[in-house]
Amino acid sequence: MSNLQLGLAIAGGIVLAGVVAHSAWTSRRNAPRQAQPEPTQDTPSPADQEPTLSDSGLDTPAFSLPQLPRRPVMDSLIDVIATVALDPSVPAVSGEAALAALPSTRRAGTKPFSVEGYNLHTLVWEAPMPGQRYGGFQAGVQLANRSGALNEIEYSEFVVKTQAFADAINATPDFPEMLDEVARARELDQFASAHDAQLGFTIRARNASWSPGYIHQNAARLGFVPGVIPGRMVLPASQEGLPPMLVLGFDSQAALADDPAQSAIRDISLHLDVAQVDRAEHAFERMRESAAALAQAMEGVVTDDNGQPLAAQTMDVIGTELQTLYDTLEQRDLAAGSPLARRLFS
């Protein structure tokens, strides 16, 4: 082989190696980012630590939330309530008899329907329970929810269900005037529609896409835990049993893929249902902190639903408007996170 041929062969090999290396680098760059093994050292150095909520400069305070009642109670503020008086010959009805008399469904149309009994031992209204005795009952149907206001057809279904329950326990119901209650439902629905805030941020990948495991790993470091639905994580409320403070979501199909590690996800969402979360949780501040921390750790950018980056000034305006909304809900006795608000805005 001549020197020229040898030189050309060497040059060709170098070019080929460069092409292969560039192809491998491009493939690696475009592959979804994967979760990494967590460090095992007891005290990681600052360089090894992942961003946390406090990195944004908004430290999360410790909250002390009021304890909720053990059982929900109907309220005339958002419910139509019909009294169900026992026959004088029946001094009390057992919990077992009341439960047997309840209708098979707990809805009138799209509105929740419920029955409560007056417990002769504890002297409180509660959902009927076995082993208890009740001196009277009341049936209720919700005036409004996110499906709209209670209408005449739903009110009539409420009457039929309540009458059937009363007949089964030898009692007599007393219903409010239908037209008055339907008008009250419309007014409540108008208020609720005007003050129903559900906020959403989107975090979009700047460069490489993300795998489900990579998202889970970074979100878990901020306190998020897997939800029941694939592709969903939640930030729990401070008090067990309450709705989550925030919901993080991504493509459920990617989460259900045969090989999730190969699923390429380019955006995730953060969602806050304002009326469901107590004001004391400072949920919007937590939402901002979480979005900023995730964007920093995952090389993303925080945008609105239309893909426009959200400036700090825009978030400040939203935060100010939320404080006004909280005040308005409290003035109506429907404070965010209260049992009544959670029922109305559902």
C-alpha atoms as a PDB file:
ATOM      1  CA  MET A   1       0.000   0.000   0.000  1.00  0.00           C
ATOM      2  CA  SER A   2       1.420   3.386  -0.983  1.00  0.00           C
ATOM      3  CA  ASN A   3       1.910   6.198   1.482  1.00  0.00           C
ATOM      4  CA  LEU A   4      -0.979   8.061  -0.168  1.00  0.00           C
ATOM      5  CA  GLN A   5      -3.346   5.133   0.231  1.00  0.00           C
ATOM      6  CA  LEU A   6      -2.261   4.642   3.833  1.00  0.00           C
ATOM      7  CA  GLY A   7      -2.838   8.319   4.597  1.00  0.00           C
ATOM      8  CA  LEU A   8      -6.271   8.273   3.013  1.00  0.00           C
ATOM      9  CA  ALA A   9      -7.207   5.153   4.983  1.00  0.00           C
ATOM     10  CA  ILE A  10      -6.124   6.736   8.262  1.00  0.00           C
ATOM     11  CA  ALA A  11      -7.980   9.960   7.446  1.00  0.00           C
ATOM     12  CA  GLY A  12     -11.099   8.006   6.538  1.00  0.00           C
ATOM     13  CA  GLY A  13     -10.923   6.079   9.798  1.00  0.00           C
ATOM     14  CA  ILE A  14     -10.659   9.305  11.782  1.00  0.00           C
ATOM     15  CA  VAL A  15     -13.660  10.783   9.962  1.00  0.00           C
ATOM     16  CA  LEU A  16     -15.680   7.603  10.500  1.00  0.00           C
ATOM     17  CA  ALA A  17     -14.799   7.543  14.185  1.00  0.00           C
ATOM     18  CA  GLY A  18     -15.859  11.163  14.441  1.00  0.00           C
ATOM     19  CA  VAL A  19     -19.194  10.443  12.770  1.00  0.00           C
ATOM     20  CA  VAL A  20     -19.840   7.488  15.075  1.00  0.00           C
ATOM     21  CA  ALA A  21     -18.889   9.504  18.149  1.00  0.00           C
ATOM     22  CA  HIS A  22     -21.096  12.415  17.117  1.00  0.00           C
ATOM     23  CA  SER A  23     -24.001  10.062  16.434  1.00  0.00           C
ATOM     24  CA  ALA A  24     -23.592   8.454  19.852  1.00  0.00           C
ATOM     25  CA  TRP A  25     -23.351  11.867  21.533  1.00  0.00           C
ATOM     26  CA  THR A  26     -26.480  13.109  19.724  1.00  0.00           C
ATOM     27  CA  SER A  27     -28.401   9.957  20.639  1.00  0.00           C
ATOM     28  CA  ARG A  28     -27.343  10.256  24.258  1.00  0.00           C
ATOM     29  CA  ARG A  29     -28.240  13.936  24.337  1.00  0.00           C
ATOM     30  CA  ASN A  30     -31.713  13.350  22.898  1.00  0.00           C
ATOM     31  CA  ALA A  31     -32.525  10.326  25.059  1.00  0.00           C
ATOM     32  CA  PRO A  32     -34.913  10.953  27.969  1.00  0.00           C
ATOM     33  CA  ARG A  33     -33.034  11.858  31.132  1.00  0.00           C
ATOM     34  CA  GLN A  34     -33.113   9.021  33.641  1.00  0.00           C
ATOM     35  CA  ALA A  35     -33.311   8.895  37.424  1.00  0.00           C
ATOM     36  CA  GLN A  36     -29.902   8.619  39.050  1.00  0.00           C
ATOM     37  CA  PRO A  37     -28.902   6.530  42.092  1.00  0.00           C
ATOM     38  CA  GLU A  38     -29.303   8.581  45.229  1.00  0.00           C
ATOM     39  CA  PRO A  39     -26.077   9.398  47.137  1.00  0.00           C
ATOM     40  CA  THR A  40     -25.525   7.214  50.182  1.00  0.00           C
ATOM     41  CA  GLN A  41     -23.219   9.486  52.184  1.00  0.00           C
ATOM     42  CA  ASP A  42     -24.645  10.706  55.459  1.00  0.00           C
ATOM     43  CA  THR A  43     -23.851  14.364  54.864  1.00  0.00           C
ATOM     44  CA  PRO A  44     -23.761  15.306  51.189  1.00  0.00           C
ATOM     45  CA  SER A  45     -21.711  18.281  50.177  1.00  0.00           C
ATOM     46  CA  PRO A  46     -23.502  21.426  48.997  1.00  0.00           C
ATOM     47  CA  ALA A  47     -22.468  20.657  45.414  1.00  0.00           C
ATOM     48  CA  ASP A  48     -24.181  17.265  45.590  1.00  0.00           C
ATOM     49  CA  GLN A  49     -27.429  18.498  47.062  1.00  0.00           C
ATOM     50  CA  GLU A  50     -30.497  18.895  44.847  1.00  0.00           C
ATOM     51  CA  PRO A  51     -32.461  22.148  44.889  1.00  0.00           C
ATOM     52  CA  THR A  52     -35.188  22.251  47.529  1.00  0.00           C
ATOM     53  CA  LEU A  53     -38.149  24.506  48.100  1.00  0.00           C
ATOM     54  CA  SER A  54     -36.108  26.763  50.380  1.00  0.00           C
ATOM     55  CA  ASP A  55     -33.561  27.403  47.596  1.00  0.00           C
ATOM     56  CA  SER A  56     -35.949  29.908  46.034  1.00  0.00           C
ATOM     57  CA  GLY A  57     -35.650  32.164  49.067  1.00  0.00           C
ATOM     58  CA  LEU A  58     -39.208  31.516  50.227  1.00  0.00           C
ATOM     59  CA  ASP A  59     -38.782  29.318  53.271  1.00  0.00           C
ATOM     60  CA  THR A  60     -41.818  27.233  54.080  1.00  0.00           C
ATOM     61  CA  PRO A  61     -43.206  28.042  57.547  1.00  0.00           C
ATOM     62  CA  ALA A  62     -44.608  25.461  59.889  1.00  0.00           C
ATOM     63  CA  PHE A  63     -48.402  25.524  59.847  1.00  0.00           C
ATOM     64  CA  SER A  64     -50.856  24.668  62.570  1.00  0.00           C
ATOM     65  CA  LEU A  65     -54.227  23.903  61.016  1.00  0.00           C
ATOM     66  CA  PRO A  66     -57.475  23.487  62.940  1.00  0.00           C
ATOM     67  CA  GLN A  67     -58.773  19.964  63.420  1.00  0.00           C
ATOM     68  CA  LEU A  68     -61.761  19.101  61.260  1.00  0.00           C
ATOM     69  CA  PRO A  69     -64.987  17.733  62.691  1.00  0.00           C
ATOM     70  CA  ARG A  70     -65.028  13.945  62.868  1.00  0.00           C
ATOM     71  CA  ARG A  71     -68.060  13.778  60.593  1.00  0.00           C
ATOM     72  CA  PRO A  72     -69.360  16.196  57.968  1.00  0.00           C
ATOM     73  CA  VAL A  73     -72.620  17.935  58.818  1.00  0.00           C
ATOM     74  CA  MET A  74     -75.137  19.386  56.391  1.00  0.00           C
ATOM     75  CA  ASP A  75     -75.345  23.156  56.391  1.00  0.00           C
ATOM     76  CA  SER A  76     -78.223  25.336  55.225  1.00  0.00           C
ATOM     77  CA  LEU A  77     -75.683  27.633  53.575  1.00  0.00           C
ATOM     78  CA  ILE A  78     -75.159  25.179  50.728  1.00  0.00           C
ATOM     79  CA  ASP A  79     -77.838  22.514  51.307  1.00  0.00           C
ATOM     80  CA  VAL A  80     -81.590  22.191  50.994  1.00  0.00           C
ATOM     81  CA  ILE A  81     -82.603  20.525  54.270  1.00  0.00           C
ATOM     82  CA  ALA A  82     -85.888  18.703  54.891  1.00  0.00           C
ATOM     83  CA  THR A  83     -86.752  17.638  58.413  1.00  0.00           C
ATOM     84  CA  VAL A  84     -87.970  14.061  58.853  1.00  0.00           C
ATOM     85  CA  ALA A  85     -90.030  13.796  62.059  1.00  0.00           C
ATOM     86  CA  LEU A  86     -90.723  10.380  63.599  1.00  0.00           C
ATOM     87  CA  ASP A  87     -94.258   9.275  64.326  1.00  0.00           C
ATOM     88  CA  PRO A  88     -95.121   9.842  68.022  1.00  0.00           C
ATOM     89  CA  SER A  89     -95.572   6.098  68.367  1.00  0.00           C
ATOM     90  CA  VAL A  90     -91.914   5.576  67.353  1.00  0.00           C
ATOM     91  CA  PRO A  91     -89.642   7.142  69.994  1.00  0.00           C
ATOM     92  CA  ALA A  92     -86.430   6.146  68.203  1.00  0.00           C
ATOM     93  CA  VAL A  93     -85.080   4.379  65.115  1.00  0.00           C
ATOM     94  CA  SER A  94     -82.049   2.128  65.204  1.00  0.00           C
ATOM     95  CA  GLY A  95     -79.049   2.833  63.023  1.00  0.00           C
ATOM     96  CA  GLU A  96     -79.548  -0.500  61.314  1.00  0.00           C
ATOM     97  CA  ALA A  97     -83.130   0.387  60.353  1.00  0.00           C
ATOM     98  CA  ALA A  98     -82.092   3.810  59.094  1.00  0.00           C
ATOM     99  CA  LEU A  99     -79.300   2.343  56.971  1.00  0.00           C
ATOM    100  CA  ALA A 100     -81.677  -0.222  55.477  1.00  0.00           C
ATOM    101  CA  ALA A 101     -84.102   2.548  54.520  1.00  0.00           C
ATOM    102  CA  LEU A 102     -81.522   4.710  52.726  1.00  0.00           C
ATOM    103  CA  PRO A 103     -81.761   4.906  48.919  1.00  0.00           C
ATOM    104  CA  SER A 104     -79.271   2.901  46.891  1.00  0.00           C
ATOM    105  CA  THR A 105     -77.706   6.046  45.411  1.00  0.00           C
ATOM    106  CA  ARG A 106     -76.560   9.132  47.258  1.00  0.00           C
ATOM    107  CA  ARG A 107     -77.210  11.628  44.488  1.00  0.00           C
ATOM    108  CA  ALA A 108     -80.156  13.562  43.109  1.00  0.00           C
ATOM    109  CA  GLY A 109     -79.136  14.194  39.530  1.00  0.00           C
ATOM    110  CA  THR A 110     -75.629  15.623  39.796  1.00  0.00           C
ATOM    111  CA  LYS A 111     -76.026  16.805  43.402  1.00  0.00           C
ATOM    112  CA  PRO A 112     -74.996  14.915  46.546  1.00  0.00           C
ATOM    113  CA  PHE A 113     -77.910  13.635  48.628  1.00  0.00           C
ATOM    114  CA  SER A 114     -77.476  12.734  52.292  1.00  0.00           C
ATOM    115  CA  VAL A 115     -79.396  11.779  55.414  1.00  0.00           C
ATOM    116  CA  GLU A 116     -78.396  12.523  59.005  1.00  0.00           C
ATOM    117  CA  GLY A 117     -79.882  11.324  62.247  1.00  0.00           C
ATOM    118  CA  TYR A 118     -79.980  12.933  65.690  1.00  0.00           C
ATOM    119  CA  ASN A 119     -78.044  10.576  67.937  1.00  0.00           C
ATOM    120  CA  LEU A 120     -79.890  10.204  71.242  1.00  0.00           C
ATOM    121  CA  HIS A 121     -76.664   9.259  73.055  1.00  0.00           C
ATOM    122  CA  THR A 122     -74.185  11.841  71.754  1.00  0.00           C
ATOM    123  CA  LEU A 123     -76.854  14.496  70.979  1.00  0.00           C
ATOM    124  CA  VAL A 124     -75.267  15.356  67.622  1.00  0.00           C
ATOM    125  CA  TRP A 125     -76.359  15.049  63.999  1.00  0.00           C
ATOM    126  CA  GLU A 126     -74.450  12.367  62.118  1.00  0.00           C
ATOM    127  CA  ALA A 127     -74.670   9.889  59.281  1.00  0.00           C
ATOM    128  CA  PRO A 128     -76.604   6.846  60.579  1.00  0.00           C
ATOM    129  CA  MET A 129     -74.392   4.147  62.083  1.00  0.00           C
ATOM    130  CA  PRO A 130     -75.093   0.646  63.372  1.00  0.00           C
ATOM    131  CA  GLY A 131     -75.555   0.317  67.109  1.00  0.00           C
ATOM    132  CA  GLN A 132     -76.939   3.840  67.549  1.00  0.00           C
ATOM    133  CA  ARG A 133     -80.468   5.141  68.172  1.00  0.00           C
ATOM    134  CA  TYR A 134     -81.892   8.238  66.524  1.00  0.00           C
ATOM    135  CA  GLY A 135     -84.725  10.502  67.596  1.00  0.00           C
ATOM    136  CA  GLY A 136     -85.167  12.267  64.261  1.00  0.00           C
ATOM    137  CA  PHE A 137     -83.650  12.728  60.844  1.00  0.00           C
ATOM    138  CA  GLN A 138     -82.961  15.335  58.226  1.00  0.00           C
ATOM    139  CA  ALA A 139     -82.339  14.841  54.531  1.00  0.00           C
ATOM    140  CA  GLY A 140     -80.402  17.228  52.356  1.00  0.00           C
ATOM    141  CA  VAL A 141     -79.379  17.885  48.784  1.00  0.00           C
ATOM    142  CA  GLN A 142     -76.595  20.257  47.789  1.00  0.00           C
ATOM    143  CA  LEU A 143     -77.675  23.531  46.224  1.00  0.00           C
ATOM    144  CA  ALA A 144     -74.784  23.783  43.774  1.00  0.00           C
ATOM    145  CA  ASN A 145     -71.460  22.290  42.752  1.00  0.00           C
ATOM    146  CA  ARG A 146     -69.223  22.460  39.705  1.00  0.00           C
ATOM    147  CA  SER A 147     -71.960  20.749  37.698  1.00  0.00           C
ATOM    148  CA  GLY A 148     -74.182  23.802  38.177  1.00  0.00           C
ATOM    149  CA  ALA A 149     -77.145  24.844  40.283  1.00  0.00           C
ATOM    150  CA  LEU A 150     -79.826  22.521  41.657  1.00  0.00           C
ATOM    151  CA  ASN A 151     -82.744  22.504  39.218  1.00  0.00           C
ATOM    152  CA  GLU A 152     -86.417  21.563  39.506  1.00  0.00           C
ATOM    153  CA  ILE A 153     -85.887  18.000  38.250  1.00  0.00           C
ATOM    154  CA  GLU A 154     -83.109  17.366  40.784  1.00  0.00           C
ATOM    155  CA  TYR A 155     -85.238  18.885  43.539  1.00  0.00           C
ATOM    156  CA  SER A 156     -88.087  16.547  42.622  1.00  0.00           C
ATOM    157  CA  GLU A 157     -85.722  13.562  42.780  1.00  0.00           C
ATOM    158  CA  PHE A 158     -84.627  14.755  46.220  1.00  0.00           C
ATOM    159  CA  VAL A 159     -88.269  14.813  47.336  1.00  0.00           C
ATOM    160  CA  VAL A 160     -88.905  11.297  46.026  1.00  0.00           C
ATOM    161  CA  LYS A 161     -85.820   9.857  47.753  1.00  0.00           C
ATOM    162  CA  THR A 162     -86.597  11.600  51.040  1.00  0.00           C
ATOM    163  CA  GLN A 163     -90.248  10.528  50.987  1.00  0.00           C
ATOM    164  CA  ALA A 164     -89.265   6.907  50.373  1.00  0.00           C
ATOM    165  CA  PHE A 165     -86.836   7.024  53.313  1.00  0.00           C
ATOM    166  CA  ALA A 166     -89.485   8.593  55.565  1.00  0.00           C
ATOM    167  CA  ASP A 167     -92.079   6.014  54.602  1.00  0.00           C
ATOM    168  CA  ALA A 168     -89.671   3.190  55.421  1.00  0.00           C
ATOM    169  CA  ILE A 169     -89.155   4.419  59.003  1.00  0.00           C
ATOM    170  CA  ASN A 170     -92.755   5.617  59.591  1.00  0.00           C
ATOM    171  CA  ALA A 171     -91.826   9.320  59.574  1.00  0.00           C
ATOM    172  CA  THR A 172     -93.105  12.507  57.958  1.00  0.00           C
ATOM    173  CA  PRO A 173     -90.873  14.844  55.915  1.00  0.00           C
ATOM    174  CA  ASP A 174     -91.269  18.611  55.718  1.00  0.00           C
ATOM    175  CA  PHE A 175     -89.832  20.179  52.557  1.00  0.00           C
ATOM    176  CA  PRO A 176     -88.880  23.817  51.892  1.00  0.00           C
ATOM    177  CA  GLU A 177     -90.579  25.562  48.975  1.00  0.00           C
ATOM    178  CA  MET A 178     -89.026  24.321  45.733  1.00  0.00           C
ATOM    179  CA  LEU A 179     -88.989  27.630  43.822  1.00  0.00           C
ATOM    180  CA  ASP A 180     -87.308  29.429  46.717  1.00  0.00           C
ATOM    181  CA  GLU A 181     -84.623  26.786  46.997  1.00  0.00           C
ATOM    182  CA  VAL A 182     -83.971  26.662  43.255  1.00  0.00           C
ATOM    183  CA  ALA A 183     -83.592  30.452  43.213  1.00  0.00           C
ATOM    184  CA  ARG A 184     -81.185  30.208  46.144  1.00  0.00           C
ATOM    185  CA  ALA A 185     -79.243  27.548  44.263  1.00  0.00           C
ATOM    186  CA  ARG A 186     -78.850  29.791  41.225  1.00  0.00           C
ATOM    187  CA  GLU A 187     -77.554  32.656  43.330  1.00  0.00           C
ATOM    188  CA  LEU A 188     -75.033  30.400  45.077  1.00  0.00           C
ATOM    189  CA  ASP A 189     -73.936  28.925  41.750  1.00  0.00           C
ATOM    190  CA  GLN A 190     -73.336  32.410  40.331  1.00  0.00           C
ATOM    191  CA  PHE A 191     -71.143  33.274  43.308  1.00  0.00           C
ATOM    192  CA  ALA A 192     -69.241  30.006  43.088  1.00  0.00           C
ATOM    193  CA  SER A 193     -68.658  30.318  39.344  1.00  0.00           C
ATOM    194  CA  ALA A 194     -67.237  33.802  39.794  1.00  0.00           C
ATOM    195  CA  HIS A 195     -64.861  32.724  42.563  1.00  0.00           C
ATOM    196  CA  ASP A 196     -63.715  29.292  41.431  1.00  0.00           C
ATOM    197  CA  ALA A 197     -59.947  29.539  40.897  1.00  0.00           C
ATOM    198  CA  GLN A 198     -57.902  26.645  39.539  1.00  0.00           C
ATOM    199  CA  LEU A 199     -54.319  27.587  38.738  1.00  0.00           C
ATOM    200  CA  GLY A 200     -51.871  25.760  36.518  1.00  0.00           C
ATOM    201  CA  PHE A 201     -48.185  26.091  35.651  1.00  0.00           C
ATOM    202  CA  THR A 202     -46.380  24.126  32.945  1.00  0.00           C
ATOM    203  CA  ILE A 203     -42.698  23.235  33.157  1.00  0.00           C
ATOM    204  CA  ARG A 204     -41.214  22.590  29.716  1.00  0.00           C
ATOM    205  CA  ALA A 205     -37.879  20.945  28.948  1.00  0.00           C
ATOM    206  CA  ARG A 206     -35.278  23.299  27.473  1.00  0.00           C
ATOM    207  CA  ASN A 207     -33.090  20.545  26.047  1.00  0.00           C
ATOM    208  CA  ALA A 208     -33.300  16.797  26.707  1.00  0.00           C
ATOM    209  CA  SER A 209     -36.669  15.223  27.453  1.00  0.00           C
ATOM    210  CA  TRP A 210     -37.446  13.472  30.751  1.00  0.00           C
ATOM    211  CA  SER A 211     -38.359   9.922  31.645  1.00  0.00           C
ATOM    212  CA  PRO A 212     -41.126   9.210  34.210  1.00  0.00           C
ATOM    213  CA  GLY A 213     -38.510   7.983  36.680  1.00  0.00           C
ATOM    214  CA  TYR A 214     -36.508  11.189  36.334  1.00  0.00           C
ATOM    215  CA  ILE A 215     -39.625  13.271  37.027  1.00  0.00           C
ATOM    216  CA  HIS A 216     -40.552  11.115  40.025  1.00  0.00           C
ATOM    217  CA  GLN A 217     -37.074  11.395  41.472  1.00  0.00           C
ATOM    218  CA  ASN A 218     -36.920  15.185  41.275  1.00  0.00           C
ATOM    219  CA  ALA A 219     -40.490  15.713  42.458  1.00  0.00           C
ATOM    220  CA  ALA A 220     -40.020  13.320  45.387  1.00  0.00           C
ATOM    221  CA  ARG A 221     -37.169  15.491  46.657  1.00  0.00           C
ATOM    222  CA  LEU A 222     -39.700  18.311  47.004  1.00  0.00           C
ATOM    223  CA  GLY A 223     -42.182  16.226  48.977  1.00  0.00           C
ATOM    224  CA  PHE A 224     -44.404  14.907  46.176  1.00  0.00           C
ATOM    225  CA  VAL A 225     -45.649  11.334  46.428  1.00  0.00           C
ATOM    226  CA  PRO A 226     -47.171   9.077  43.746  1.00  0.00           C
ATOM    227  CA  GLY A 227     -50.903   9.524  43.209  1.00  0.00           C
ATOM    228  CA  VAL A 228     -53.488   6.864  42.491  1.00  0.00           C
ATOM    229  CA  ILE A 229     -53.679   7.792  38.795  1.00  0.00           C
ATOM    230  CA  PRO A 230     -50.668   6.960  36.571  1.00  0.00           C
ATOM    231  CA  GLY A 231     -48.769  10.080  35.592  1.00  0.00           C
ATOM    232  CA  ARG A 232     -49.832  11.937  38.709  1.00  0.00           C
ATOM    233  CA  MET A 233     -48.031  12.934  41.907  1.00  0.00           C
ATOM    234  CA  VAL A 234     -49.383  14.985  44.796  1.00  0.00           C
ATOM    235  CA  LEU A 235     -47.968  17.231  47.488  1.00  0.00           C
ATOM    236  CA  PRO A 236     -49.921  16.198  50.599  1.00  0.00           C
ATOM    237  CA  ALA A 237     -51.620  18.737  52.831  1.00  0.00           C
ATOM    238  CA  SER A 238     -50.253  19.368  56.301  1.00  0.00           C
ATOM    239  CA  GLN A 239     -53.154  17.434  57.817  1.00  0.00           C
ATOM    240  CA  GLU A 240     -53.793  13.823  56.902  1.00  0.00           C
ATOM    241  CA  GLY A 241     -57.029  13.093  55.088  1.00  0.00           C
ATOM    242  CA  LEU A 242     -57.366  16.478  53.368  1.00  0.00           C
ATOM    243  CA  PRO A 243     -57.162  17.024  49.596  1.00  0.00           C
ATOM    244  CA  PRO A 244     -53.603  17.421  48.280  1.00  0.00           C
ATOM    245  CA  MET A 245     -52.050  20.848  48.296  1.00  0.00           C
ATOM    246  CA  LEU A 246     -50.686  20.537  44.752  1.00  0.00           C
ATOM    247  CA  VAL A 247     -50.998  18.040  41.909  1.00  0.00           C
ATOM    248  CA  LEU A 248     -48.171  17.314  39.472  1.00  0.00           C
ATOM    249  CA  GLY A 249     -49.170  15.634  36.228  1.00  0.00           C
ATOM    250  CA  PHE A 250     -47.589  14.309  33.060  1.00  0.00           C
ATOM    251  CA  ASP A 251     -48.547  12.047  30.148  1.00  0.00           C
ATOM    252  CA  SER A 252     -50.292   9.001  31.630  1.00  0.00           C
ATOM    253  CA  GLN A 253     -49.502   6.962  28.520  1.00  0.00           C
ATOM    254  CA  ALA A 254     -45.792   7.477  29.160  1.00  0.00           C
ATOM    255  CA  ALA A 255     -46.242   6.272  32.734  1.00  0.00           C
ATOM    256  CA  LEU A 256     -48.037   3.139  31.483  1.00  0.00           C
ATOM    257  CA  ALA A 257     -45.568   2.337  28.684  1.00  0.00           C
ATOM    258  CA  ASP A 258     -44.000  -1.135  28.547  1.00  0.00           C
ATOM    259  CA  ASP A 259     -40.612   0.522  29.064  1.00  0.00           C
ATOM    260  CA  PRO A 260     -41.257   3.839  30.850  1.00  0.00           C
ATOM    261  CA  ALA A 261     -37.529   4.618  30.847  1.00  0.00           C
ATOM    262  CA  GLN A 262     -37.735   5.129  27.068  1.00  0.00           C
ATOM    263  CA  SER A 263     -40.769   7.432  27.277  1.00  0.00           C
ATOM    264  CA  ALA A 264     -39.863  10.974  26.285  1.00  0.00           C
ATOM    265  CA  ILE A 265     -41.731  13.634  28.263  1.00  0.00           C
ATOM    266  CA  ARG A 266     -41.165  17.287  27.449  1.00  0.00           C
ATOM    267  CA  ASP A 267     -43.544  18.999  29.845  1.00  0.00           C
ATOM    268  CA  ILE A 268     -45.208  18.509  33.221  1.00  0.00           C
ATOM    269  CA  SER A 269     -47.965  20.501  34.913  1.00  0.00           C
ATOM    270  CA  LEU A 270     -48.518  21.817  38.419  1.00  0.00           C
ATOM    271  CA  HIS A 271     -52.135  22.349  39.485  1.00  0.00           C
ATOM    272  CA  LEU A 272     -53.667  24.167  42.464  1.00  0.00           C
ATOM    273  CA  ASP A 273     -57.394  23.935  43.226  1.00  0.00           C
ATOM    274  CA  VAL A 274     -57.616  27.057  45.388  1.00  0.00           C
ATOM    275  CA  ALA A 275     -60.929  26.396  47.156  1.00  0.00           C
ATOM    276  CA  GLN A 276     -59.844  22.902  48.237  1.00  0.00           C
ATOM    277  CA  VAL A 277     -56.751  24.024  50.183  1.00  0.00           C
ATOM    278  CA  ASP A 278     -56.638  25.944  53.458  1.00  0.00           C
ATOM    279  CA  ARG A 279     -55.284  29.459  53.174  1.00  0.00           C
ATOM    280  CA  ALA A 280     -52.806  28.713  55.955  1.00  0.00           C
ATOM    281  CA  GLU A 281     -51.039  26.219  53.687  1.00  0.00           C
ATOM    282  CA  HIS A 282     -49.714  29.087  51.524  1.00  0.00           C
ATOM    283  CA  ALA A 283     -50.284  26.775  48.569  1.00  0.00           C
ATOM    284  CA  PHE A 284     -49.552  29.324  45.843  1.00  0.00           C
ATOM    285  CA  GLU A 285     -46.186  30.136  47.377  1.00  0.00           C
ATOM    286  CA  ARG A 286     -45.447  26.414  47.531  1.00  0.00           C
ATOM    287  CA  MET A 287     -46.524  26.136  43.898  1.00  0.00           C
ATOM    288  CA  ARG A 288     -44.087  28.872  42.847  1.00  0.00           C
ATOM    289  CA  GLU A 289     -41.279  27.333  44.858  1.00  0.00           C
ATOM    290  CA  SER A 290     -41.918  23.860  43.474  1.00  0.00           C
ATOM    291  CA  ALA A 291     -42.052  25.097  39.883  1.00  0.00           C
ATOM    292  CA  ALA A 292     -38.828  27.051  40.263  1.00  0.00           C
ATOM    293  CA  ALA A 293     -37.021  24.161  41.955  1.00  0.00           C
ATOM    294  CA  LEU A 294     -38.145  21.630  39.344  1.00  0.00           C
ATOM    295  CA  ALA A 295     -37.224  23.937  36.478  1.00  0.00           C
ATOM    296  CA  GLN A 296     -33.769  24.462  37.953  1.00  0.00           C
ATOM    297  CA  ALA A 297     -33.101  20.787  38.651  1.00  0.00           C
ATOM    298  CA  MET A 298     -34.502  19.486  35.345  1.00  0.00           C
ATOM    299  CA  GLU A 299     -33.318  22.256  33.014  1.00  0.00           C
ATOM    300  CA  GLY A 300     -36.794  23.475  32.258  1.00  0.00           C
ATOM    301  CA  VAL A 301     -38.716  26.728  32.010  1.00  0.00           C
ATOM    302  CA  VAL A 302     -41.955  27.666  33.806  1.00  0.00           C
ATOM    303  CA  THR A 303     -44.721  28.754  31.418  1.00  0.00           C
ATOM    304  CA  ASP A 304     -48.446  29.276  31.279  1.00  0.00           C
ATOM    305  CA  ASP A 305     -50.782  26.927  29.406  1.00  0.00           C
ATOM    306  CA  ASN A 306     -49.976  28.714  26.138  1.00  0.00           C
ATOM    307  CA  GLY A 307     -46.237  28.177  26.468  1.00  0.00           C
ATOM    308  CA  GLN A 308     -45.413  31.758  27.465  1.00  0.00           C
ATOM    309  CA  PRO A 309     -42.739  32.045  30.183  1.00  0.00           C
ATOM    310  CA  LEU A 310     -44.135  33.306  33.486  1.00  0.00           C
ATOM    311  CA  ALA A 311     -42.298  36.313  34.846  1.00  0.00           C
ATOM    312  CA  ALA A 312     -41.946  36.900  38.582  1.00  0.00           C
ATOM    313  CA  GLN A 313     -44.041  40.068  38.256  1.00  0.00           C
ATOM    314  CA  THR A 314     -46.904  38.070  36.748  1.00  0.00           C
ATOM    315  CA  MET A 315     -46.797  35.591  39.622  1.00  0.00           C
ATOM    316  CA  ASP A 316     -46.784  38.477  42.118  1.00  0.00           C
ATOM    317  CA  VAL A 317     -49.992  39.819  40.570  1.00  0.00           C
ATOM    318  CA  ILE A 318     -51.619  36.379  40.771  1.00  0.00           C
ATOM    319  CA  GLY A 319     -50.603  36.115  44.426  1.00  0.00           C
ATOM    320  CA  THR A 320     -52.162  39.481  45.235  1.00  0.00           C
ATOM    321  CA  GLU A 321     -55.412  38.567  43.477  1.00  0.00           C
ATOM    322  CA  LEU A 322     -55.547  35.316  45.418  1.00  0.00           C
ATOM    323  CA  GLN A 323     -55.452  37.167  48.726  1.00  0.00           C
ATOM    324  CA  THR A 324     -58.532  39.129  47.629  1.00  0.00           C
ATOM    325  CA  LEU A 325     -60.245  35.890  46.635  1.00  0.00           C
ATOM    326  CA  TYR A 326     -59.467  34.320  50.022  1.00  0.00           C
ATOM    327  CA  ASP A 327     -60.974  37.351  51.770  1.00  0.00           C
ATOM    328  CA  THR A 328     -64.145  37.162  49.659  1.00  0.00           C
ATOM    329  CA  LEU A 329     -64.636  33.456  50.355  1.00  0.00           C
ATOM    330  CA  GLU A 330     -64.181  34.003  54.096  1.00  0.00           C
ATOM    331  CA  GLN A 331     -66.710  36.827  54.102  1.00  0.00           C
ATOM    332  CA  ARG A 332     -69.225  34.407  52.570  1.00  0.00           C
ATOM    333  CA  ASP A 333     -68.408  31.765  55.255  1.00  0.00           C
ATOM    334  CA  LEU A 334     -66.882  29.599  52.526  1.00  0.00           C
ATOM    335  CA  ALA A 335     -63.224  29.889  53.468  1.00  0.00           C
ATOM    336  CA  ALA A 336     -60.847  28.002  51.180  1.00  0.00           C
ATOM    337  CA  GLY A 337     -60.155  24.535  52.523  1.00  0.00           C
ATOM    338  CA  SER A 338     -63.231  24.500  54.763  1.00  0.00           C
ATOM    339  CA  PRO A 339     -65.601  21.508  54.519  1.00  0.00           C
ATOM    340  CA  LEU A 340     -68.285  23.700  52.924  1.00  0.00           C
ATOM    341  CA  ALA A 341     -65.913  25.130  50.309  1.00  0.00           C
ATOM    342  CA  ARG A 342     -64.582  21.700  49.443  1.00  0.00           C
ATOM    343  CA  ARG A 343     -68.135  20.456  48.908  1.00  0.00           C
ATOM    344  CA  LEU A 344     -69.295  23.482  46.910  1.00  0.00           C
ATOM    345  CA  PHE A 345     -66.236  23.573  44.650  1.00  0.00           C
ATOM    346  CA  SER A 346     -66.267  19.914  43.703  1.00  0.00           C
END
